[in-house]
Amino acid sequence: ELREAWFVCAICYINSDGEVKTVRGTCEGYIG
């Protein structure tokens, strides 16, 4: 019950004009 964990992924996208956008995704679980 104290082994809670999550993966994090941040993605930066730069388009052909040099504009920058970032997004974040997570997935929650626990450590075995």
Full PDB file with SEQRES, HELIX, SHEET, SSBOND, CRYST1, ORIGX, SCALE, CONECT and MASTER records, all heavy atoms in Angstrom:
SEQRES   1 A   32  GLU LEU ARG GLU ALA TRP PHE VAL CYS ALA ILE CYS TYR          
SEQRES   2 A   32  ILE ASN SER ASP GLY GLU VAL LYS THR VAL ARG GLY THR          
SEQRES   3 A   32  CYS GLU GLY TYR ILE GLY                                      
SHEET    1 AA1 2 GLU A   4  ILE A  14  0                                        
SHEET    2 AA1 2 VAL A  20  TYR A  30 -1                                        
CRYST1    1.000    1.000    1.000  90.00  90.00  90.00 P 1           1          
ORIGX1      1.000000  0.000000  0.000000        0.00000                         
ORIGX2      0.000000  1.000000  0.000000        0.00000                         
ORIGX3      0.000000  0.000000  1.000000        0.00000                         
SCALE1      1.000000  0.000000  0.000000        0.00000                         
SCALE2      0.000000  1.000000  0.000000        0.00000                         
SCALE3      0.000000  0.000000  1.000000        0.00000                         
ATOM      1  N   GLU A   1       0.814  -1.225   0.000  1.00  0.00           N  
ATOM      2  CA  GLU A   1       0.000   0.000   0.000  1.00  0.00           C  
ATOM      3  C   GLU A   1       0.847   1.274   0.000  1.00  0.00           C  
ATOM      4  O   GLU A   1       0.329   2.372  -0.240  1.00  0.00           O  
ATOM      5  CB  GLU A   1      -0.994   0.002   1.176  1.00  0.00           C  
ATOM      6  CG  GLU A   1      -0.383  -0.050   2.549  1.00  0.00           C  
ATOM      7  CD  GLU A   1      -0.165  -1.477   3.067  1.00  0.00           C  
ATOM      8  OE1 GLU A   1      -0.302  -2.448   2.295  1.00  0.00           O  
ATOM      9  OE2 GLU A   1       0.144  -1.599   4.259  1.00  0.00           O  
ATOM     10  N   LEU A   2       2.148   1.164   0.248  1.00  0.00           N  
ATOM     11  CA  LEU A   2       3.038   2.324   0.227  1.00  0.00           C  
ATOM     12  C   LEU A   2       3.954   2.325  -0.997  1.00  0.00           C  
ATOM     13  O   LEU A   2       4.904   3.106  -1.072  1.00  0.00           O  
ATOM     14  CB  LEU A   2       3.893   2.365   1.499  1.00  0.00           C  
ATOM     15  CG  LEU A   2       3.134   2.509   2.818  1.00  0.00           C  
ATOM     16  CD1 LEU A   2       4.086   2.483   4.002  1.00  0.00           C  
ATOM     17  CD2 LEU A   2       2.301   3.786   2.825  1.00  0.00           C  
ATOM     18  N   ARG A   3       3.679   1.472  -1.974  1.00  0.00           N  
ATOM     19  CA  ARG A   3       4.550   1.338  -3.136  1.00  0.00           C  
ATOM     20  C   ARG A   3       3.984   2.033  -4.382  1.00  0.00           C  
ATOM     21  O   ARG A   3       4.357   1.714  -5.507  1.00  0.00           O  
ATOM     22  CB  ARG A   3       4.806  -0.142  -3.410  1.00  0.00           C  
ATOM     23  CG  ARG A   3       5.535  -0.832  -2.256  1.00  0.00           C  
ATOM     24  CD  ARG A   3       5.598  -2.328  -2.421  1.00  0.00           C  
ATOM     25  NE  ARG A   3       6.687  -2.750  -3.292  1.00  0.00           N  
ATOM     26  CZ  ARG A   3       7.898  -3.084  -2.866  1.00  0.00           C  
ATOM     27  NH1 ARG A   3       8.197  -3.038  -1.578  1.00  0.00           N  
ATOM     28  NH2 ARG A   3       8.822  -3.458  -3.731  1.00  0.00           N  
ATOM     29  N   GLU A   4       3.099   3.002  -4.168  1.00  0.00           N  
ATOM     30  CA  GLU A   4       2.491   3.732  -5.282  1.00  0.00           C  
ATOM     31  C   GLU A   4       3.582   4.385  -6.144  1.00  0.00           C  
ATOM     32  O   GLU A   4       4.542   4.951  -5.633  1.00  0.00           O  
ATOM     33  CB  GLU A   4       1.549   4.806  -4.746  1.00  0.00           C  
ATOM     34  CG  GLU A   4       0.917   5.650  -5.827  1.00  0.00           C  
ATOM     35  CD  GLU A   4       0.119   6.821  -5.267  1.00  0.00           C  
ATOM     36  OE1 GLU A   4       0.178   7.092  -4.061  1.00  0.00           O  
ATOM     37  OE2 GLU A   4      -0.548   7.467  -6.070  1.00  0.00           O  
ATOM     38  N   ALA A   5       3.401   4.286  -7.441  1.00  0.00           N  
ATOM     39  CA  ALA A   5       4.357   4.870  -8.377  1.00  0.00           C  
ATOM     40  C   ALA A   5       3.635   5.258  -9.659  1.00  0.00           C  
ATOM     41  O   ALA A   5       2.511   4.807  -9.907  1.00  0.00           O  
ATOM     42  CB  ALA A   5       5.469   3.867  -8.682  1.00  0.00           C  
ATOM     43  N   TRP A   6       4.273   6.064 -10.464  1.00  0.00           N  
ATOM     44  CA  TRP A   6       3.700   6.447 -11.741  1.00  0.00           C  
ATOM     45  C   TRP A   6       4.828   6.772 -12.701  1.00  0.00           C  
ATOM     46  O   TRP A   6       5.894   7.233 -12.309  1.00  0.00           O  
ATOM     47  CB  TRP A   6       2.737   7.630 -11.612  1.00  0.00           C  
ATOM     48  CG  TRP A   6       3.303   8.794 -10.873  1.00  0.00           C  
ATOM     49  CD1 TRP A   6       3.934   9.891 -11.396  1.00  0.00           C  
ATOM     50  CD2 TRP A   6       3.314   8.981  -9.447  1.00  0.00           C  
ATOM     51  NE1 TRP A   6       4.332  10.736 -10.389  1.00  0.00           N  
ATOM     52  CE2 TRP A   6       3.967  10.196  -9.179  1.00  0.00           C  
ATOM     53  CE3 TRP A   6       2.834   8.228  -8.369  1.00  0.00           C  
ATOM     54  CZ2 TRP A   6       4.157  10.687  -7.893  1.00  0.00           C  
ATOM     55  CZ3 TRP A   6       3.030   8.715  -7.087  1.00  0.00           C  
ATOM     56  CH2 TRP A   6       3.673   9.933  -6.861  1.00  0.00           C  
ATOM     57  N   PHE A   7       4.578   6.446 -13.947  1.00  0.00           N  
ATOM     58  CA  PHE A   7       5.462   6.845 -15.033  1.00  0.00           C  
ATOM     59  C   PHE A   7       4.978   8.191 -15.546  1.00  0.00           C  
ATOM     60  O   PHE A   7       3.773   8.447 -15.625  1.00  0.00           O  
ATOM     61  CB  PHE A   7       5.424   5.843 -16.179  1.00  0.00           C  
ATOM     62  CG  PHE A   7       6.375   4.689 -16.044  1.00  0.00           C  
ATOM     63  CD1 PHE A   7       5.900   3.391 -16.058  1.00  0.00           C  
ATOM     64  CD2 PHE A   7       7.744   4.891 -15.929  1.00  0.00           C  
ATOM     65  CE1 PHE A   7       6.772   2.314 -15.979  1.00  0.00           C  
ATOM     66  CE2 PHE A   7       8.619   3.825 -15.837  1.00  0.00           C  
ATOM     67  CZ  PHE A   7       8.131   2.530 -15.857  1.00  0.00           C  
ATOM     68  N   VAL A   8       5.920   9.050 -15.914  1.00  0.00           N  
ATOM     69  CA  VAL A   8       5.630  10.363 -16.478  1.00  0.00           C  
ATOM     70  C   VAL A   8       6.324  10.462 -17.829  1.00  0.00           C  
ATOM     71  O   VAL A   8       7.469  10.026 -17.981  1.00  0.00           O  
ATOM     72  CB  VAL A   8       6.161  11.494 -15.557  1.00  0.00           C  
ATOM     73  CG1 VAL A   8       5.964  12.862 -16.195  1.00  0.00           C  
ATOM     74  CG2 VAL A   8       5.511  11.436 -14.192  1.00  0.00           C  
ATOM     75  N   CYS A   9       5.640  11.043 -18.794  1.00  0.00           N  
ATOM     76  CA  CYS A   9       6.241  11.323 -20.091  1.00  0.00           C  
ATOM     77  C   CYS A   9       5.840  12.731 -20.510  1.00  0.00           C  
ATOM     78  O   CYS A   9       4.652  13.029 -20.631  1.00  0.00           O  
ATOM     79  CB  CYS A   9       5.764  10.321 -21.144  1.00  0.00           C  
ATOM     80  SG  CYS A   9       6.373  10.687 -22.805  1.00  0.00           S  
ATOM     81  N   ALA A  10       6.843  13.584 -20.705  1.00  0.00           N  
ATOM     82  CA  ALA A  10       6.605  14.917 -21.262  1.00  0.00           C  
ATOM     83  C   ALA A  10       7.127  14.904 -22.691  1.00  0.00           C  
ATOM     84  O   ALA A  10       8.238  14.428 -22.949  1.00  0.00           O  
ATOM     85  CB  ALA A  10       7.316  15.978 -20.449  1.00  0.00           C  
ATOM     86  N   ILE A  11       6.325  15.393 -23.607  1.00  0.00           N  
ATOM     87  CA  ILE A  11       6.732  15.474 -25.010  1.00  0.00           C  
ATOM     88  C   ILE A  11       6.707  16.921 -25.445  1.00  0.00           C  
ATOM     89  O   ILE A  11       5.729  17.634 -25.213  1.00  0.00           O  
ATOM     90  CB  ILE A  11       5.807  14.638 -25.915  1.00  0.00           C  
ATOM     91  CG1 ILE A  11       5.952  13.152 -25.578  1.00  0.00           C  
ATOM     92  CG2 ILE A  11       6.135  14.885 -27.397  1.00  0.00           C  
ATOM     93  CD1 ILE A  11       5.079  12.238 -26.392  1.00  0.00           C  
ATOM     94  N   CYS A  12       7.807  17.328 -26.051  1.00  0.00           N  
ATOM     95  CA  CYS A  12       7.886  18.660 -26.653  1.00  0.00           C  
ATOM     96  C   CYS A  12       7.810  18.485 -28.158  1.00  0.00           C  
ATOM     97  O   CYS A  12       8.511  17.651 -28.732  1.00  0.00           O  
ATOM     98  CB  CYS A  12       9.198  19.340 -26.259  1.00  0.00           C  
ATOM     99  SG  CYS A  12       9.396  20.969 -27.043  1.00  0.00           S  
ATOM    100  N   TYR A  13       6.958  19.266 -28.793  1.00  0.00           N  
ATOM    101  CA  TYR A  13       6.809  19.256 -30.239  1.00  0.00           C  
ATOM    102  C   TYR A  13       7.158  20.637 -30.759  1.00  0.00           C  
ATOM    103  O   TYR A  13       6.702  21.651 -30.222  1.00  0.00           O  
ATOM    104  CB  TYR A  13       5.364  18.910 -30.623  1.00  0.00           C  
ATOM    105  CG  TYR A  13       5.032  19.176 -32.071  1.00  0.00           C  
ATOM    106  CD1 TYR A  13       5.591  18.384 -33.082  1.00  0.00           C  
ATOM    107  CD2 TYR A  13       4.180  20.198 -32.451  1.00  0.00           C  
ATOM    108  CE1 TYR A  13       5.300  18.610 -34.412  1.00  0.00           C  
ATOM    109  CE2 TYR A  13       3.875  20.439 -33.778  1.00  0.00           C  
ATOM    110  CZ  TYR A  13       4.442  19.651 -34.757  1.00  0.00           C  
ATOM    111  OH  TYR A  13       4.151  19.881 -36.074  1.00  0.00           O  
ATOM    112  N   ILE A  14       7.983  20.665 -31.789  1.00  0.00           N  
ATOM    113  CA  ILE A  14       8.300  21.924 -32.470  1.00  0.00           C  
ATOM    114  C   ILE A  14       7.892  21.757 -33.918  1.00  0.00           C  
ATOM    115  O   ILE A  14       8.356  20.835 -34.600  1.00  0.00           O  
ATOM    116  CB  ILE A  14       9.797  22.270 -32.354  1.00  0.00           C  
ATOM    117  CG1 ILE A  14      10.201  22.367 -30.878  1.00  0.00           C  
ATOM    118  CG2 ILE A  14      10.096  23.583 -33.085  1.00  0.00           C  
ATOM    119  CD1 ILE A  14      11.665  22.671 -30.640  1.00  0.00           C  
ATOM    120  N   ASN A  15       7.021  22.643 -34.396  1.00  0.00           N  
ATOM    121  CA  ASN A  15       6.551  22.525 -35.769  1.00  0.00           C  
ATOM    122  C   ASN A  15       7.548  23.171 -36.728  1.00  0.00           C  
ATOM    123  O   ASN A  15       8.579  23.709 -36.311  1.00  0.00           O  
ATOM    124  CB  ASN A  15       5.130  23.081 -35.923  1.00  0.00           C  
ATOM    125  CG  ASN A  15       5.060  24.593 -35.773  1.00  0.00           C  
ATOM    126  OD1 ASN A  15       6.056  25.308 -35.852  1.00  0.00           O  
ATOM    127  ND2 ASN A  15       3.849  25.104 -35.569  1.00  0.00           N  
ATOM    128  N   SER A  16       7.251  23.128 -38.016  1.00  0.00           N  
ATOM    129  CA  SER A  16       8.185  23.628 -39.026  1.00  0.00           C  
ATOM    130  C   SER A  16       8.432  25.126 -38.915  1.00  0.00           C  
ATOM    131  O   SER A  16       9.431  25.629 -39.420  1.00  0.00           O  
ATOM    132  CB  SER A  16       7.694  23.271 -40.427  1.00  0.00           C  
ATOM    133  OG  SER A  16       6.398  23.776 -40.627  1.00  0.00           O  
ATOM    134  N   ASP A  17       7.534  25.842 -38.221  1.00  0.00           N  
ATOM    135  CA  ASP A  17       7.721  27.274 -38.007  1.00  0.00           C  
ATOM    136  C   ASP A  17       8.465  27.585 -36.712  1.00  0.00           C  
ATOM    137  O   ASP A  17       8.653  28.750 -36.368  1.00  0.00           O  
ATOM    138  CB  ASP A  17       6.362  27.994 -37.983  1.00  0.00           C  
ATOM    139  CG  ASP A  17       5.645  27.910 -39.322  1.00  0.00           C  
ATOM    140  OD1 ASP A  17       6.337  27.920 -40.365  1.00  0.00           O  
ATOM    141  OD2 ASP A  17       4.406  27.817 -39.319  1.00  0.00           O  
ATOM    142  N   GLY A  18       8.844  26.553 -35.968  1.00  0.00           N  
ATOM    143  CA  GLY A  18       9.577  26.763 -34.722  1.00  0.00           C  
ATOM    144  C   GLY A  18       8.696  26.972 -33.508  1.00  0.00           C  
ATOM    145  O   GLY A  18       9.206  27.273 -32.421  1.00  0.00           O  
ATOM    146  N   GLU A  19       7.381  26.810 -33.652  1.00  0.00           N  
ATOM    147  CA  GLU A  19       6.484  26.955 -32.503  1.00  0.00           C  
ATOM    148  C   GLU A  19       6.621  25.736 -31.600  1.00  0.00           C  
ATOM    149  O   GLU A  19       6.678  24.600 -32.079  1.00  0.00           O  
ATOM    150  CB  GLU A  19       5.035  27.084 -32.964  1.00  0.00           C  
ATOM    151  CG  GLU A  19       4.755  28.327 -33.755  1.00  0.00           C  
ATOM    152  CD  GLU A  19       3.318  28.321 -34.290  1.00  0.00           C  
ATOM    153  OE1 GLU A  19       2.393  28.364 -33.450  1.00  0.00           O  
ATOM    154  OE2 GLU A  19       3.155  28.233 -35.522  1.00  0.00           O  
ATOM    155  N   VAL A  20       6.629  25.969 -30.277  1.00  0.00           N  
ATOM    156  CA  VAL A  20       6.865  24.918 -29.289  1.00  0.00           C  
ATOM    157  C   VAL A  20       5.590  24.622 -28.509  1.00  0.00           C  
ATOM    158  O   VAL A  20       4.921  25.541 -28.045  1.00  0.00           O  
ATOM    159  CB  VAL A  20       7.980  25.347 -28.301  1.00  0.00           C  
ATOM    160  CG1 VAL A  20       8.188  24.307 -27.220  1.00  0.00           C  
ATOM    161  CG2 VAL A  20       9.273  25.634 -29.049  1.00  0.00           C  
ATOM    162  N   LYS A  21       5.279  23.334 -28.389  1.00  0.00           N  
ATOM    163  CA  LYS A  21       4.153  22.896 -27.555  1.00  0.00           C  
ATOM    164  C   LYS A  21       4.624  21.697 -26.737  1.00  0.00           C  
ATOM    165  O   LYS A  21       5.408  20.884 -27.211  1.00  0.00           O  
ATOM    166  CB  LYS A  21       2.965  22.484 -28.411  1.00  0.00           C  
ATOM    167  CG  LYS A  21       2.373  23.598 -29.246  1.00  0.00           C  
ATOM    168  CD  LYS A  21       1.095  23.149 -29.916  1.00  0.00           C  
ATOM    169  CE  LYS A  21       0.506  24.149 -30.844  1.00  0.00           C  
ATOM    170  NZ  LYS A  21       0.340  25.482 -30.412  1.00  0.00           N  
ATOM    171  N   THR A  22       4.148  21.602 -25.500  1.00  0.00           N  
ATOM    172  CA  THR A  22       4.473  20.440 -24.673  1.00  0.00           C  
ATOM    173  C   THR A  22       3.194  19.811 -24.141  1.00  0.00           C  
ATOM    174  O   THR A  22       2.196  20.499 -23.903  1.00  0.00           O  
ATOM    175  CB  THR A  22       5.396  20.786 -23.480  1.00  0.00           C  
ATOM    176  OG1 THR A  22       4.753  21.757 -22.663  1.00  0.00           O  
ATOM    177  CG2 THR A  22       6.737  21.306 -23.941  1.00  0.00           C  
ATOM    178  N   VAL A  23       3.250  18.503 -23.994  1.00  0.00           N  
ATOM    179  CA  VAL A  23       2.147  17.732 -23.411  1.00  0.00           C  
ATOM    180  C   VAL A  23       2.745  16.756 -22.407  1.00  0.00           C  
ATOM    181  O   VAL A  23       3.932  16.447 -22.458  1.00  0.00           O  
ATOM    182  CB  VAL A  23       1.328  16.968 -24.480  1.00  0.00           C  
ATOM    183  CG1 VAL A  23       0.595  17.924 -25.403  1.00  0.00           C  
ATOM    184  CG2 VAL A  23       2.201  16.015 -25.266  1.00  0.00           C  
ATOM    185  N   ARG A  24       1.891  16.279 -21.493  1.00  0.00           N  
ATOM    186  CA  ARG A  24       2.345  15.333 -20.469  1.00  0.00           C  
ATOM    187  C   ARG A  24       1.348  14.197 -20.355  1.00  0.00           C  
ATOM    188  O   ARG A  24       0.139  14.412 -20.365  1.00  0.00           O  
ATOM    189  CB  ARG A  24       2.459  16.044 -19.127  1.00  0.00           C  
ATOM    190  CG  ARG A  24       2.836  15.128 -17.966  1.00  0.00           C  
ATOM    191  CD  ARG A  24       2.846  15.881 -16.635  1.00  0.00           C  
ATOM    192  NE  ARG A  24       4.150  16.433 -16.395  1.00  0.00           N  
ATOM    193  CZ  ARG A  24       4.872  16.193 -15.311  1.00  0.00           C  
ATOM    194  NH1 ARG A  24       4.395  15.434 -14.350  1.00  0.00           N  
ATOM    195  NH2 ARG A  24       6.055  16.719 -15.157  1.00  0.00           N  
ATOM    196  N   GLY A  25       1.882  13.006 -20.235  1.00  0.00           N  
ATOM    197  CA  GLY A  25       1.065  11.827 -19.991  1.00  0.00           C  
ATOM    198  C   GLY A  25       1.606  11.071 -18.796  1.00  0.00           C  
ATOM    199  O   GLY A  25       2.815  11.115 -18.518  1.00  0.00           O  
ATOM    200  N   THR A  26       0.723  10.401 -18.069  1.00  0.00           N  
ATOM    201  CA  THR A  26       1.141   9.601 -16.921  1.00  0.00           C  
ATOM    202  C   THR A  26       0.438   8.250 -16.951  1.00  0.00           C  
ATOM    203  O   THR A  26      -0.547   8.071 -17.664  1.00  0.00           O  
ATOM    204  CB  THR A  26       0.799  10.295 -15.577  1.00  0.00           C  
ATOM    205  OG1 THR A  26      -0.611  10.491 -15.505  1.00  0.00           O  
ATOM    206  CG2 THR A  26       1.514  11.635 -15.427  1.00  0.00           C  
ATOM    207  N   CYS A  27       0.974   7.338 -16.188  1.00  0.00           N  
ATOM    208  CA  CYS A  27       0.333   6.056 -15.963  1.00  0.00           C  
ATOM    209  C   CYS A  27       0.620   5.663 -14.520  1.00  0.00           C  
ATOM    210  O   CYS A  27       1.788   5.604 -14.109  1.00  0.00           O  
ATOM    211  CB  CYS A  27       0.856   4.995 -16.924  1.00  0.00           C  
ATOM    212  SG  CYS A  27       0.028   3.395 -16.718  1.00  0.00           S  
ATOM    213  N   GLU A  28      -0.437   5.436 -13.756  1.00  0.00           N  
ATOM    214  CA  GLU A  28      -0.283   5.124 -12.340  1.00  0.00           C  
ATOM    215  C   GLU A  28      -0.297   3.627 -12.095  1.00  0.00           C  
ATOM    216  O   GLU A  28      -1.024   2.894 -12.751  1.00  0.00           O  
ATOM    217  CB  GLU A  28      -1.396   5.794 -11.533  1.00  0.00           C  
ATOM    218  CG  GLU A  28      -1.332   7.303 -11.601  1.00  0.00           C  
ATOM    219  CD  GLU A  28      -2.414   7.986 -10.786  1.00  0.00           C  
ATOM    220  OE1 GLU A  28      -3.107   7.300  -9.997  1.00  0.00           O  
ATOM    221  OE2 GLU A  28      -2.568   9.202 -10.950  1.00  0.00           O  
ATOM    222  N   GLY A  29       0.511   3.207 -11.157  1.00  0.00           N  
ATOM    223  CA  GLY A  29       0.600   1.804 -10.774  1.00  0.00           C  
ATOM    224  C   GLY A  29       1.292   1.693  -9.438  1.00  0.00           C  
ATOM    225  O   GLY A  29       1.144   2.562  -8.579  1.00  0.00           O  
ATOM    226  N   TYR A  30       2.087   0.653  -9.280  1.00  0.00           N  
ATOM    227  CA  TYR A  30       2.858   0.479  -8.050  1.00  0.00           C  
ATOM    228  C   TYR A  30       4.097  -0.353  -8.361  1.00  0.00           C  
ATOM    229  O   TYR A  30       4.194  -0.976  -9.422  1.00  0.00           O  
ATOM    230  CB  TYR A  30       2.007  -0.166  -6.953  1.00  0.00           C  
ATOM    231  CG  TYR A  30       1.534  -1.570  -7.259  1.00  0.00           C  
ATOM    232  CD1 TYR A  30       2.239  -2.688  -6.804  1.00  0.00           C  
ATOM    233  CD2 TYR A  30       0.376  -1.790  -8.008  1.00  0.00           C  
ATOM    234  CE1 TYR A  30       1.801  -3.974  -7.096  1.00  0.00           C  
ATOM    235  CE2 TYR A  30      -0.063  -3.075  -8.295  1.00  0.00           C  
ATOM    236  CZ  TYR A  30       0.656  -4.161  -7.838  1.00  0.00           C  
ATOM    237  OH  TYR A  30       0.231  -5.433  -8.129  1.00  0.00           O  
ATOM    238  N   ILE A  31       5.035  -0.321  -7.446  1.00  0.00           N  
ATOM    239  CA  ILE A  31       6.274  -1.080  -7.620  1.00  0.00           C  
ATOM    240  C   ILE A  31       6.075  -2.473  -7.028  1.00  0.00           C  
ATOM    241  O   ILE A  31       5.675  -2.617  -5.872  1.00  0.00           O  
ATOM    242  CB  ILE A  31       7.468  -0.381  -6.933  1.00  0.00           C  
ATOM    243  CG1 ILE A  31       7.667   1.028  -7.507  1.00  0.00           C  
ATOM    244  CG2 ILE A  31       8.744  -1.219  -7.078  1.00  0.00           C  
ATOM    245  CD1 ILE A  31       7.935   1.080  -8.993  1.00  0.00           C  
ATOM    246  N   GLY A  32       6.360  -3.481  -7.844  1.00  0.00           N  
ATOM    247  CA  GLY A  32       6.248  -4.868  -7.400  1.00  0.00           C  
ATOM    248  C   GLY A  32       7.383  -5.234  -6.452  1.00  0.00           C  
ATOM    249  O   GLY A  32       8.157  -4.378  -6.005  1.00  0.00           O  
TER     250      GLY A  32                                                      
MASTER        0    0    0    0    2    0    0    6  249    1    0    3          
END                                                                             
